[in-house]
Amino acid sequence: MLGHSAGGRPGERLMQRLGMPVSDDTILRQLKRDAARAHRDATIRVVGIDDWSWRRSWRYGTMIVDLERRSVVDILEDRSVASVARWLEQHPSVEIVSRDRCGLYAQAAREGAPQARQVADRFHLMQNLRVAIEEQMSLAGRATGRALLPDKSIGSAQIDLIQDDPHVDATHRRRVRHRQSRQAVFGTVHALNEEGLSYSEIARRTGYGRRSIAKWLTFETPPDRQKAALKPTSPLYFEAFLAACWKDGNRCGRHLFHDIKQRGYTGSFSNLERLLASWRRSERSVEGSASSAPIISHQRGRGVVPIRDPETGHVISPVVAAALCMKPRSMLTITQARKVDALKQGAPEFALMRSLGMRFRGIFRSRDPGKLDSWIDDAVKAGLVAVARFARVLHRDLDAVCNAIELPWSNGQAEGQINRLKTIKRAMYGRAGPELLRARMLPLEQNRHTK
């Protein structure tokens, strides 16, 4: 490897032994110069764009890949709309831009290559749906070690009134059900302990960890969650002001965001929108029963019974259930098929989500984008909060998703090149700059053509 060391210049000595009367710095400068000129005159029709990390969750760069030649054409130092749009403007021959579902690259393609067709990556589309299903399975019906309602004064008669009153906020009813299910599990844990069962056996039967079991057994009643003090990053910090504006008829999210920003709000607009969305849902109608229904568990009377693996007796986690939800029947093992059957029997919502997942896969396999609109409508009307959110976001990027169904391009080649870049970075101990990375990633043939 060319470079310097504390004991001298081993690169120069190596060049002398090879009979090359140049220094290692000269060679590196020439390689970087050639790589900088390599992509300027290239005619590129189909590109894949993806990000890579200089430092995870801290700083990112951008890689651009020629999907037809399956080779890297450039590496950008940052991940921004301006830099990617500038690169696309310099290459007017680009006809297709394959990208993930990041809005940054979508905006860059609209600004820098308005003539190009954008293609959403199929892998990320499937992954986003799986994550939405996992989130839906984790929403409600899972008793945890934390109370959502700290008020101990709610009696059983009041609970019945809350559950039956159609004017009670859906979130309030869901919290009451959560507290009920948690109380039931708390009683089950103490009853099993009185029978003389070990912590491990109680954990296996209830699906909770041993540390949670040990903590719960030290209390006589379920401990209430201590709420942290609100900060200006939370819209609830300005709840009184927002409620007054809402009552006066000011319900535009952007206007309210501007008003609370003037009062010191430091959070995001999306965080505010989540709060306002819950207010809108509670006003429209009491259809919150679909969103508050348990997914990986079903109700018998007032108790919540988790869905268990028929072979091991362990509770099926949302991660496992979401993965099974996206897997066709022909690809399931015998054990997985039994888990799917148990989930279908125990949770009708799982059967609905599996049907949506299989239809979504079928749309891509059939290459028929005409079926996508009806799928989005069915997903929104299904009453599943997380899946409906995924469908609405899908509708905003509809053209790119339809192109992903019709066209053969995807970002798989870009993902593979990023793995190669990670290997090169590790080999150089992470000390290479963008010029040297570009020189090592670009094909040698391109570098030779520019001389």
Protein backbone atom coordinates (compact mmCIF):
# COMPACT_ATOMS: atom_id res chain seq x y z
CA MET A 1 0.00 0.00 0.00
CA LEU A 2 1.36 3.45 -0.93
CA GLY A 3 1.84 5.91 1.88
CA HIS A 4 4.13 7.35 4.54
CA SER A 5 5.44 5.96 7.80
CA ALA A 6 7.28 7.39 10.78
CA GLY A 7 10.49 5.61 9.77
CA GLY A 8 10.77 7.24 6.33
CA ARG A 9 9.11 6.88 2.95
CA PRO A 10 8.67 3.19 2.19
CA GLY A 11 6.59 4.11 -0.85
CA GLU A 12 9.52 5.83 -2.51
CA ARG A 13 11.90 2.93 -1.72
CA LEU A 14 9.35 0.55 -3.22
CA MET A 15 9.19 2.64 -6.40
CA GLN A 16 12.99 2.65 -6.63
CA ARG A 17 13.14 -1.14 -6.29
CA LEU A 18 10.58 -1.41 -9.10
CA GLY A 19 12.67 0.89 -11.29
CA MET A 20 10.06 3.67 -11.31
CA PRO A 21 11.69 7.09 -10.71
CA VAL A 22 8.56 8.66 -9.21
CA SER A 23 7.29 9.15 -5.68
CA ASP A 24 4.25 7.54 -4.17
CA ASP A 25 2.58 10.96 -3.81
CA THR A 26 2.95 11.54 -7.57
CA ILE A 27 1.25 8.22 -8.33
CA LEU A 28 -1.62 8.99 -5.92
CA ARG A 29 -2.07 12.46 -7.45
CA GLN A 30 -2.20 10.97 -10.93
CA LEU A 31 -4.74 8.33 -9.90
CA LYS A 32 -6.97 10.96 -8.28
CA ARG A 33 -6.68 13.25 -11.30
CA ASP A 34 -7.63 10.47 -13.70
CA ALA A 35 -10.59 9.43 -11.56
CA ALA A 36 -11.84 13.02 -11.40
CA ARG A 37 -11.92 13.19 -15.21
CA ALA A 38 -13.19 9.66 -15.80
CA HIS A 39 -16.94 10.30 -15.66
CA ARG A 40 -17.13 13.72 -17.32
CA ASP A 41 -17.49 12.59 -20.94
CA ALA A 42 -19.20 9.28 -20.26
CA THR A 43 -22.64 8.69 -21.78
CA ILE A 44 -24.80 7.23 -19.04
CA ARG A 45 -28.43 6.23 -19.57
CA VAL A 46 -29.46 4.33 -16.39
CA VAL A 47 -28.07 5.26 -12.98
CA GLY A 48 -28.62 3.90 -9.48
CA ILE A 49 -28.18 6.33 -6.57
CA ASP A 50 -27.69 5.33 -2.95
CA ASP A 51 -26.00 6.68 0.15
CA TRP A 52 -23.07 5.29 2.13
CA SER A 53 -21.74 6.28 5.53
CA TRP A 54 -18.48 7.97 6.31
CA ARG A 55 -19.64 7.51 9.89
CA ARG A 56 -22.91 5.77 10.66
CA SER A 57 -25.75 8.05 11.77
CA TRP A 58 -23.41 11.01 11.54
CA ARG A 59 -22.13 11.74 8.01
CA TYR A 60 -23.04 10.24 4.64
CA GLY A 61 -21.86 10.34 1.05
CA THR A 62 -23.53 9.41 -2.25
CA MET A 63 -22.59 6.72 -4.76
CA ILE A 64 -23.75 6.80 -8.39
CA VAL A 65 -23.66 3.55 -10.37
CA ASP A 66 -24.12 2.89 -14.09
CA LEU A 67 -26.63 0.04 -13.93
CA GLU A 68 -26.16 -0.93 -17.59
CA ARG A 69 -22.37 -1.32 -17.28
CA ARG A 70 -22.63 -2.42 -13.62
CA SER A 71 -19.85 -0.06 -12.57
CA VAL A 72 -19.37 2.97 -10.33
CA VAL A 73 -19.30 6.27 -12.20
CA ASP A 74 -18.84 8.72 -9.32
CA ILE A 75 -18.67 9.09 -5.54
CA LEU A 76 -19.95 12.32 -3.99
CA GLU A 77 -18.63 13.53 -0.69
CA ASP A 78 -22.00 14.45 0.81
CA ARG A 79 -25.65 13.42 0.69
CA SER A 80 -27.58 16.49 -0.44
CA VAL A 81 -30.10 17.54 -3.05
CA ALA A 82 -27.77 20.20 -4.46
CA SER A 83 -24.78 17.92 -5.13
CA VAL A 84 -26.81 15.11 -6.70
CA ALA A 85 -28.88 17.53 -8.81
CA ARG A 86 -25.66 19.21 -10.00
CA TRP A 87 -24.22 15.84 -11.06
CA LEU A 88 -27.40 14.94 -12.95
CA GLU A 89 -27.42 18.31 -14.71
CA GLN A 90 -23.92 17.56 -15.98
CA HIS A 91 -25.20 14.29 -17.49
CA PRO A 92 -28.27 15.11 -19.60
CA SER A 93 -28.13 11.64 -21.18
CA VAL A 94 -29.61 10.07 -18.03
CA GLU A 95 -33.01 8.56 -18.82
CA ILE A 96 -33.71 6.42 -15.72
CA VAL A 97 -32.85 7.07 -12.06
CA SER A 98 -33.17 4.14 -9.67
CA ARG A 99 -33.23 5.12 -6.01
CA ASP A 100 -34.46 4.06 -2.62
CA ARG A 101 -37.50 5.74 -1.08
CA CYS A 102 -35.50 8.64 0.34
CA GLY A 103 -37.22 11.90 -0.59
CA LEU A 104 -33.85 13.63 -0.89
CA TYR A 105 -32.83 11.73 -4.03
CA ALA A 106 -36.34 12.02 -5.46
CA GLN A 107 -36.13 15.81 -5.19
CA ALA A 108 -32.61 15.82 -6.65
CA ALA A 109 -33.81 13.81 -9.66
CA ARG A 110 -36.73 16.17 -10.21
CA GLU A 111 -34.39 19.18 -10.16
CA GLY A 112 -31.36 17.77 -11.98
CA ALA A 113 -32.95 15.33 -14.44
CA PRO A 114 -36.62 16.23 -15.01
CA GLN A 115 -36.56 14.22 -18.24
CA ALA A 116 -35.65 10.98 -16.41
CA ARG A 117 -38.06 8.35 -15.10
CA GLN A 118 -37.61 7.62 -11.40
CA VAL A 119 -37.70 4.00 -10.24
CA ALA A 120 -38.26 3.07 -6.58
CA ASP A 121 -36.18 0.15 -5.36
CA ARG A 122 -38.27 -3.03 -5.06
CA PHE A 123 -36.32 -4.40 -2.10
CA HIS A 124 -36.98 -1.27 -0.05
CA LEU A 125 -40.66 -1.33 -0.98
CA MET A 126 -41.01 -4.87 0.37
CA GLN A 127 -38.95 -4.02 3.43
CA ASN A 128 -41.05 -0.94 4.19
CA LEU A 129 -44.25 -3.00 4.03
CA ARG A 130 -42.76 -5.62 6.35
CA VAL A 131 -41.78 -2.89 8.84
CA ALA A 132 -45.30 -1.46 8.65
CA ILE A 133 -46.78 -4.90 9.41
CA GLU A 134 -44.38 -5.33 12.33
CA GLU A 135 -45.37 -1.92 13.67
CA GLN A 136 -49.06 -2.77 13.32
CA MET A 137 -48.55 -5.98 15.27
CA SER A 138 -46.88 -4.03 18.05
CA LEU A 139 -49.47 -1.27 18.31
CA ALA A 140 -52.06 -2.66 20.70
CA GLY A 141 -53.09 -5.69 22.67
CA ARG A 142 -49.58 -6.30 24.03
CA ALA A 143 -49.41 -5.89 27.76
CA THR A 144 -46.02 -4.51 28.75
CA GLY A 145 -44.30 -3.68 32.01
CA ARG A 146 -45.45 -0.05 31.77
CA ALA A 147 -48.83 1.49 32.43
CA LEU A 148 -50.31 3.90 29.92
CA LEU A 149 -52.76 5.24 32.49
CA PRO A 150 -51.34 6.28 35.85
CA ASP A 151 -54.81 6.92 37.30
CA LYS A 152 -55.62 4.14 39.80
CA SER A 153 -59.06 5.50 40.55
CA ILE A 154 -60.77 3.95 37.52
CA GLY A 155 -63.04 1.20 38.73
CA SER A 156 -64.54 -1.73 36.82
CA ALA A 157 -67.91 -0.01 36.47
CA GLN A 158 -66.23 3.09 35.03
CA ILE A 159 -64.18 0.91 32.67
CA ASP A 160 -67.36 -0.69 31.32
CA LEU A 161 -68.87 2.76 30.76
CA ILE A 162 -65.73 3.95 28.97
CA GLN A 163 -65.67 0.91 26.71
CA ASP A 164 -69.36 1.23 25.77
CA ASP A 165 -69.53 5.02 25.41
CA PRO A 166 -69.19 5.94 21.67
CA HIS A 167 -68.18 9.50 22.56
CA VAL A 168 -65.06 8.53 24.48
CA ASP A 169 -61.79 9.14 22.63
CA ALA A 170 -60.43 6.01 20.94
CA THR A 171 -56.96 6.57 22.44
CA HIS A 172 -58.51 6.72 25.92
CA ARG A 173 -60.34 3.43 25.37
CA ARG A 174 -57.18 1.80 24.05
CA ARG A 175 -55.27 2.90 27.15
CA VAL A 176 -57.97 1.50 29.41
CA ARG A 177 -57.81 -1.85 27.59
CA HIS A 178 -54.03 -1.78 27.87
CA ARG A 179 -54.26 -1.24 31.61
CA GLN A 180 -56.79 -4.07 31.93
CA SER A 181 -54.62 -6.53 30.00
CA ARG A 182 -51.57 -5.51 32.00
CA GLN A 183 -53.44 -6.06 35.26
CA ALA A 184 -54.49 -9.52 34.05
CA VAL A 185 -50.91 -10.48 33.18
CA PHE A 186 -49.70 -9.07 36.51
CA GLY A 187 -52.19 -11.29 38.34
CA THR A 188 -51.14 -14.32 36.26
CA VAL A 189 -47.47 -13.78 37.15
CA HIS A 190 -48.22 -13.67 40.88
CA ALA A 191 -50.51 -16.71 40.65
CA LEU A 192 -47.81 -18.77 38.92
CA ASN A 193 -45.28 -17.65 41.51
CA GLU A 194 -47.59 -18.80 44.32
CA GLU A 195 -47.73 -22.22 42.63
CA GLY A 196 -43.97 -22.48 43.17
CA LEU A 197 -42.87 -22.10 39.54
CA SER A 198 -39.42 -20.72 38.78
CA TYR A 199 -38.83 -17.36 37.11
CA SER A 200 -37.71 -19.12 33.92
CA GLU A 201 -40.89 -21.20 33.75
CA ILE A 202 -43.06 -18.13 34.40
CA ALA A 203 -41.18 -16.27 31.66
CA ARG A 204 -41.74 -19.15 29.22
CA ARG A 205 -45.46 -19.28 29.96
CA THR A 206 -46.09 -15.54 29.83
CA GLY A 207 -43.60 -14.48 27.16
CA TYR A 208 -41.87 -11.92 29.39
CA GLY A 209 -38.21 -11.75 30.39
CA ARG A 210 -36.93 -13.04 33.73
CA ARG A 211 -35.89 -9.55 34.80
CA SER A 212 -39.39 -8.20 34.20
CA ILE A 213 -40.87 -11.14 36.13
CA ALA A 214 -38.52 -10.52 39.07
CA LYS A 215 -39.40 -6.83 39.13
CA TRP A 216 -43.15 -7.42 38.97
CA LEU A 217 -43.03 -9.90 41.82
CA THR A 218 -41.66 -7.18 44.11
CA PHE A 219 -44.88 -5.15 43.72
CA GLU A 220 -48.35 -5.84 45.02
CA THR A 221 -49.99 -3.84 42.22
CA PRO A 222 -48.68 -2.99 38.74
CA PRO A 223 -46.29 -0.01 39.05
CA ASP A 224 -47.35 3.15 37.27
CA ARG A 225 -45.12 4.71 34.69
CA GLN A 226 -43.51 7.94 35.80
CA LYS A 227 -43.92 10.42 32.99
CA ALA A 228 -40.91 12.54 32.13
CA ALA A 229 -41.23 16.32 32.22
CA LEU A 230 -42.35 17.74 28.90
CA LYS A 231 -39.79 19.68 26.87
CA PRO A 232 -40.13 22.20 24.02
CA THR A 233 -39.26 19.39 21.60
CA SER A 234 -42.72 17.88 22.27
CA PRO A 235 -45.92 19.47 20.90
CA LEU A 236 -47.64 18.44 24.15
CA TYR A 237 -45.56 21.14 25.82
CA PHE A 238 -47.84 23.61 23.98
CA GLU A 239 -51.01 21.51 24.32
CA ALA A 240 -53.04 24.24 25.99
CA PHE A 241 -52.25 26.75 23.24
CA LEU A 242 -52.87 24.19 20.48
CA ALA A 243 -56.19 23.14 22.04
CA ALA A 244 -57.33 26.77 22.17
CA CYS A 245 -56.39 27.28 18.50
CA TRP A 246 -58.13 24.02 17.59
CA LYS A 247 -61.31 25.13 19.37
CA ASP A 248 -61.21 28.48 17.54
CA GLY A 249 -61.08 26.70 14.18
CA ASN A 250 -57.37 27.09 13.38
CA ARG A 251 -56.57 23.50 12.34
CA CYS A 252 -54.01 23.91 9.58
CA GLY A 253 -50.88 22.02 10.61
CA ARG A 254 -48.46 24.44 8.94
CA HIS A 255 -50.08 27.46 10.58
CA LEU A 256 -50.01 25.84 14.01
CA PHE A 257 -46.41 24.76 13.45
CA HIS A 258 -45.43 28.36 12.69
CA ASP A 259 -47.29 29.65 15.76
CA ILE A 260 -45.66 27.29 18.24
CA LYS A 261 -42.24 27.81 16.61
CA GLN A 262 -42.64 31.45 17.55
CA ARG A 263 -43.29 30.32 21.13
CA GLY A 264 -40.14 28.20 21.38
CA TYR A 265 -41.10 24.83 19.85
CA THR A 266 -37.94 22.99 18.74
CA GLY A 267 -39.50 19.74 17.50
CA SER A 268 -40.37 18.62 13.98
CA PHE A 269 -43.49 19.24 11.92
CA SER A 270 -44.15 15.49 11.61
CA ASN A 271 -44.22 15.19 15.41
CA LEU A 272 -46.87 17.91 15.57
CA GLU A 273 -48.85 16.26 12.76
CA ARG A 274 -49.03 12.98 14.71
CA LEU A 275 -50.71 14.81 17.58
CA LEU A 276 -53.11 16.66 15.29
CA ALA A 277 -53.95 13.44 13.43
CA SER A 278 -55.11 11.84 16.68
CA TRP A 279 -57.36 14.84 17.31
CA ARG A 280 -58.82 14.61 13.81
CA ARG A 281 -59.51 10.88 14.16
CA SER A 282 -61.31 11.36 17.46
CA GLU A 283 -63.55 13.98 15.88
CA ARG A 284 -64.42 12.16 12.67
CA SER A 285 -65.98 9.04 14.12
CA VAL A 286 -65.47 6.25 16.57
CA GLU A 287 -63.82 3.90 14.13
CA GLY A 288 -60.85 3.55 16.41
CA SER A 289 -61.91 0.02 17.31
CA ALA A 290 -60.05 -1.30 14.26
CA SER A 291 -56.87 0.54 15.17
CA SER A 292 -57.03 -0.50 18.81
CA ALA A 293 -57.68 -4.20 18.17
CA PRO A 294 -54.85 -6.49 19.26
CA ILE A 295 -52.93 -8.02 16.39
CA ILE A 296 -50.70 -10.72 17.78
CA SER A 297 -53.22 -11.59 20.46
CA HIS A 298 -56.95 -12.11 20.63
CA GLN A 299 -59.46 -11.41 23.39
CA ARG A 300 -61.53 -13.86 25.33
CA GLY A 301 -63.91 -11.98 27.51
CA ARG A 302 -61.81 -9.27 29.14
CA GLY A 303 -58.42 -11.04 29.02
CA VAL A 304 -55.76 -10.91 26.34
CA VAL A 305 -54.32 -14.23 25.19
CA PRO A 306 -51.05 -14.06 23.22
CA ILE A 307 -50.59 -16.19 20.11
CA ARG A 308 -48.05 -18.93 20.81
CA ASP A 309 -45.94 -21.21 18.68
CA PRO A 310 -47.86 -24.54 18.59
CA GLU A 311 -44.59 -26.50 18.91
CA THR A 312 -42.58 -24.60 21.55
CA GLY A 313 -45.33 -22.71 23.36
CA HIS A 314 -43.37 -19.46 23.10
CA VAL A 315 -45.14 -16.22 22.20
CA ILE A 316 -44.71 -15.36 18.51
CA SER A 317 -42.97 -11.98 18.34
CA PRO A 318 -44.07 -9.19 15.94
CA VAL A 319 -40.74 -9.49 14.08
CA VAL A 320 -41.28 -13.19 13.34
CA ALA A 321 -44.95 -12.70 12.51
CA ALA A 322 -44.17 -9.84 10.08
CA ALA A 323 -41.53 -11.93 8.31
CA LEU A 324 -43.99 -14.83 7.96
CA CYS A 325 -46.66 -12.43 6.73
CA MET A 326 -44.53 -11.57 3.68
CA LYS A 327 -43.47 -15.13 2.81
CA PRO A 328 -45.48 -17.18 0.26
CA ARG A 329 -46.96 -20.48 1.38
CA SER A 330 -44.76 -22.45 -1.01
CA MET A 331 -41.62 -21.05 0.64
CA LEU A 332 -42.65 -21.82 4.22
CA THR A 333 -41.16 -24.71 6.14
CA ILE A 334 -43.49 -27.04 8.02
CA THR A 335 -42.76 -25.25 11.30
CA GLN A 336 -43.35 -21.84 9.74
CA ALA A 337 -46.61 -22.99 8.16
CA ARG A 338 -47.88 -24.08 11.58
CA LYS A 339 -47.03 -20.66 13.01
CA VAL A 340 -48.91 -18.97 10.17
CA ASP A 341 -51.97 -21.16 10.78
CA ALA A 342 -51.86 -20.34 14.51
CA LEU A 343 -51.63 -16.62 13.78
CA LYS A 344 -54.52 -16.78 11.32
CA GLN A 345 -56.73 -18.59 13.82
CA GLY A 346 -55.83 -16.30 16.71
CA ALA A 347 -55.79 -12.94 14.94
CA PRO A 348 -58.07 -12.15 11.98
CA GLU A 349 -56.00 -8.99 11.40
CA PHE A 350 -52.97 -11.12 10.64
CA ALA A 351 -54.90 -12.96 7.93
CA LEU A 352 -55.92 -9.60 6.43
CA MET A 353 -52.34 -8.29 6.46
CA ARG A 354 -51.01 -11.52 4.98
CA SER A 355 -53.54 -11.23 2.18
CA LEU A 356 -52.39 -7.65 1.50
CA GLY A 357 -48.74 -8.73 1.62
CA MET A 358 -49.25 -11.56 -0.87
CA ARG A 359 -51.20 -9.28 -3.21
CA PHE A 360 -48.42 -6.70 -3.04
CA ARG A 361 -45.82 -9.31 -4.00
CA GLY A 362 -48.09 -10.55 -6.78
CA ILE A 363 -48.34 -7.08 -8.31
CA PHE A 364 -44.57 -6.96 -8.77
CA ARG A 365 -44.35 -10.49 -10.10
CA SER A 366 -47.15 -9.89 -12.62
CA ARG A 367 -45.61 -6.59 -13.79
CA ASP A 368 -49.09 -5.05 -13.80
CA PRO A 369 -49.12 -1.54 -12.22
CA GLY A 370 -52.85 -1.26 -12.90
CA LYS A 371 -53.58 -3.33 -9.79
CA LEU A 372 -51.70 -0.94 -7.50
CA ASP A 373 -54.50 1.65 -7.10
CA SER A 374 -57.00 -0.93 -5.87
CA TRP A 375 -54.40 -2.37 -3.48
CA ILE A 376 -53.76 1.08 -1.99
CA ASP A 377 -57.51 1.67 -1.56
CA ASP A 378 -57.97 -1.69 0.17
CA ALA A 379 -54.96 -1.08 2.45
CA VAL A 380 -56.27 2.33 3.50
CA LYS A 381 -59.79 0.99 4.15
CA ALA A 382 -58.55 -2.05 6.11
CA GLY A 383 -58.45 -0.04 9.33
CA LEU A 384 -54.82 -0.95 10.09
CA VAL A 385 -53.02 2.24 11.09
CA ALA A 386 -49.44 1.40 10.12
CA VAL A 387 -50.37 -0.36 6.88
CA ALA A 388 -52.68 2.50 5.88
CA ARG A 389 -49.84 4.97 6.52
CA PHE A 390 -47.54 2.92 4.26
CA ALA A 391 -50.21 2.91 1.54
CA ARG A 392 -50.68 6.68 1.70
CA VAL A 393 -46.94 7.30 1.43
CA LEU A 394 -46.86 4.84 -1.46
CA HIS A 395 -49.52 6.89 -3.23
CA ARG A 396 -47.38 10.04 -2.95
CA ASP A 397 -44.55 8.24 -4.82
CA LEU A 398 -46.91 6.45 -7.19
CA ASP A 399 -45.06 7.11 -10.46
CA ALA A 400 -41.77 5.74 -9.16
CA VAL A 401 -43.50 2.66 -7.72
CA CYS A 402 -45.31 1.98 -11.01
CA ASN A 403 -41.99 2.29 -12.85
CA ALA A 404 -40.51 -0.23 -10.40
CA ILE A 405 -43.28 -2.66 -11.35
CA GLU A 406 -42.86 -2.18 -15.10
CA LEU A 407 -39.08 -1.76 -15.51
CA PRO A 408 -36.34 -4.30 -14.71
CA TRP A 409 -34.05 -1.81 -12.95
CA SER A 410 -33.40 -1.83 -9.22
CA ASN A 411 -30.74 -0.64 -6.78
CA GLY A 412 -29.28 -4.08 -6.12
CA GLN A 413 -26.09 -3.28 -8.04
CA ALA A 414 -25.65 -0.05 -6.06
CA GLU A 415 -26.04 -1.94 -2.77
CA GLY A 416 -23.35 -4.40 -3.88
CA GLN A 417 -20.96 -1.60 -4.82
CA ILE A 418 -21.50 0.01 -1.43
CA ASN A 419 -20.50 -3.26 0.24
CA ARG A 420 -17.33 -3.18 -1.89
CA LEU A 421 -16.66 0.41 -0.81
CA LYS A 422 -17.01 -0.58 2.85
CA THR A 423 -14.37 -3.28 2.35
CA ILE A 424 -11.98 -0.80 0.74
CA LYS A 425 -12.55 1.72 3.53
CA ARG A 426 -11.75 -0.89 6.17
CA ALA A 427 -8.61 -1.95 4.27
CA MET A 428 -7.42 1.67 4.43
CA TYR A 429 -8.47 1.99 8.09
CA GLY A 430 -11.10 4.59 7.18
CA ARG A 431 -8.47 7.24 6.33
CA ALA A 432 -9.17 7.61 2.59
CA GLY A 433 -10.70 10.81 1.27
CA PRO A 434 -13.33 11.01 -1.49
CA GLU A 435 -10.70 11.42 -4.26
CA LEU A 436 -8.81 8.25 -3.33
CA LEU A 437 -12.04 6.29 -2.80
CA ARG A 438 -13.21 7.40 -6.22
CA ALA A 439 -9.89 6.32 -7.77
CA ARG A 440 -10.15 2.88 -6.20
CA MET A 441 -13.84 2.35 -6.96
CA LEU A 442 -13.93 3.45 -10.61
CA PRO A 443 -13.00 0.81 -13.22
CA LEU A 444 -9.42 0.91 -14.49
CA GLU A 445 -10.66 0.90 -18.09
CA GLN A 446 -12.32 4.28 -17.57
CA ASN A 447 -9.14 5.70 -16.09
CA ARG A 448 -7.09 4.51 -19.08
CA HIS A 449 -9.53 6.01 -21.60
CA THR A 450 -9.03 9.48 -20.15
CA LYS A 451 -5.24 9.54 -20.66
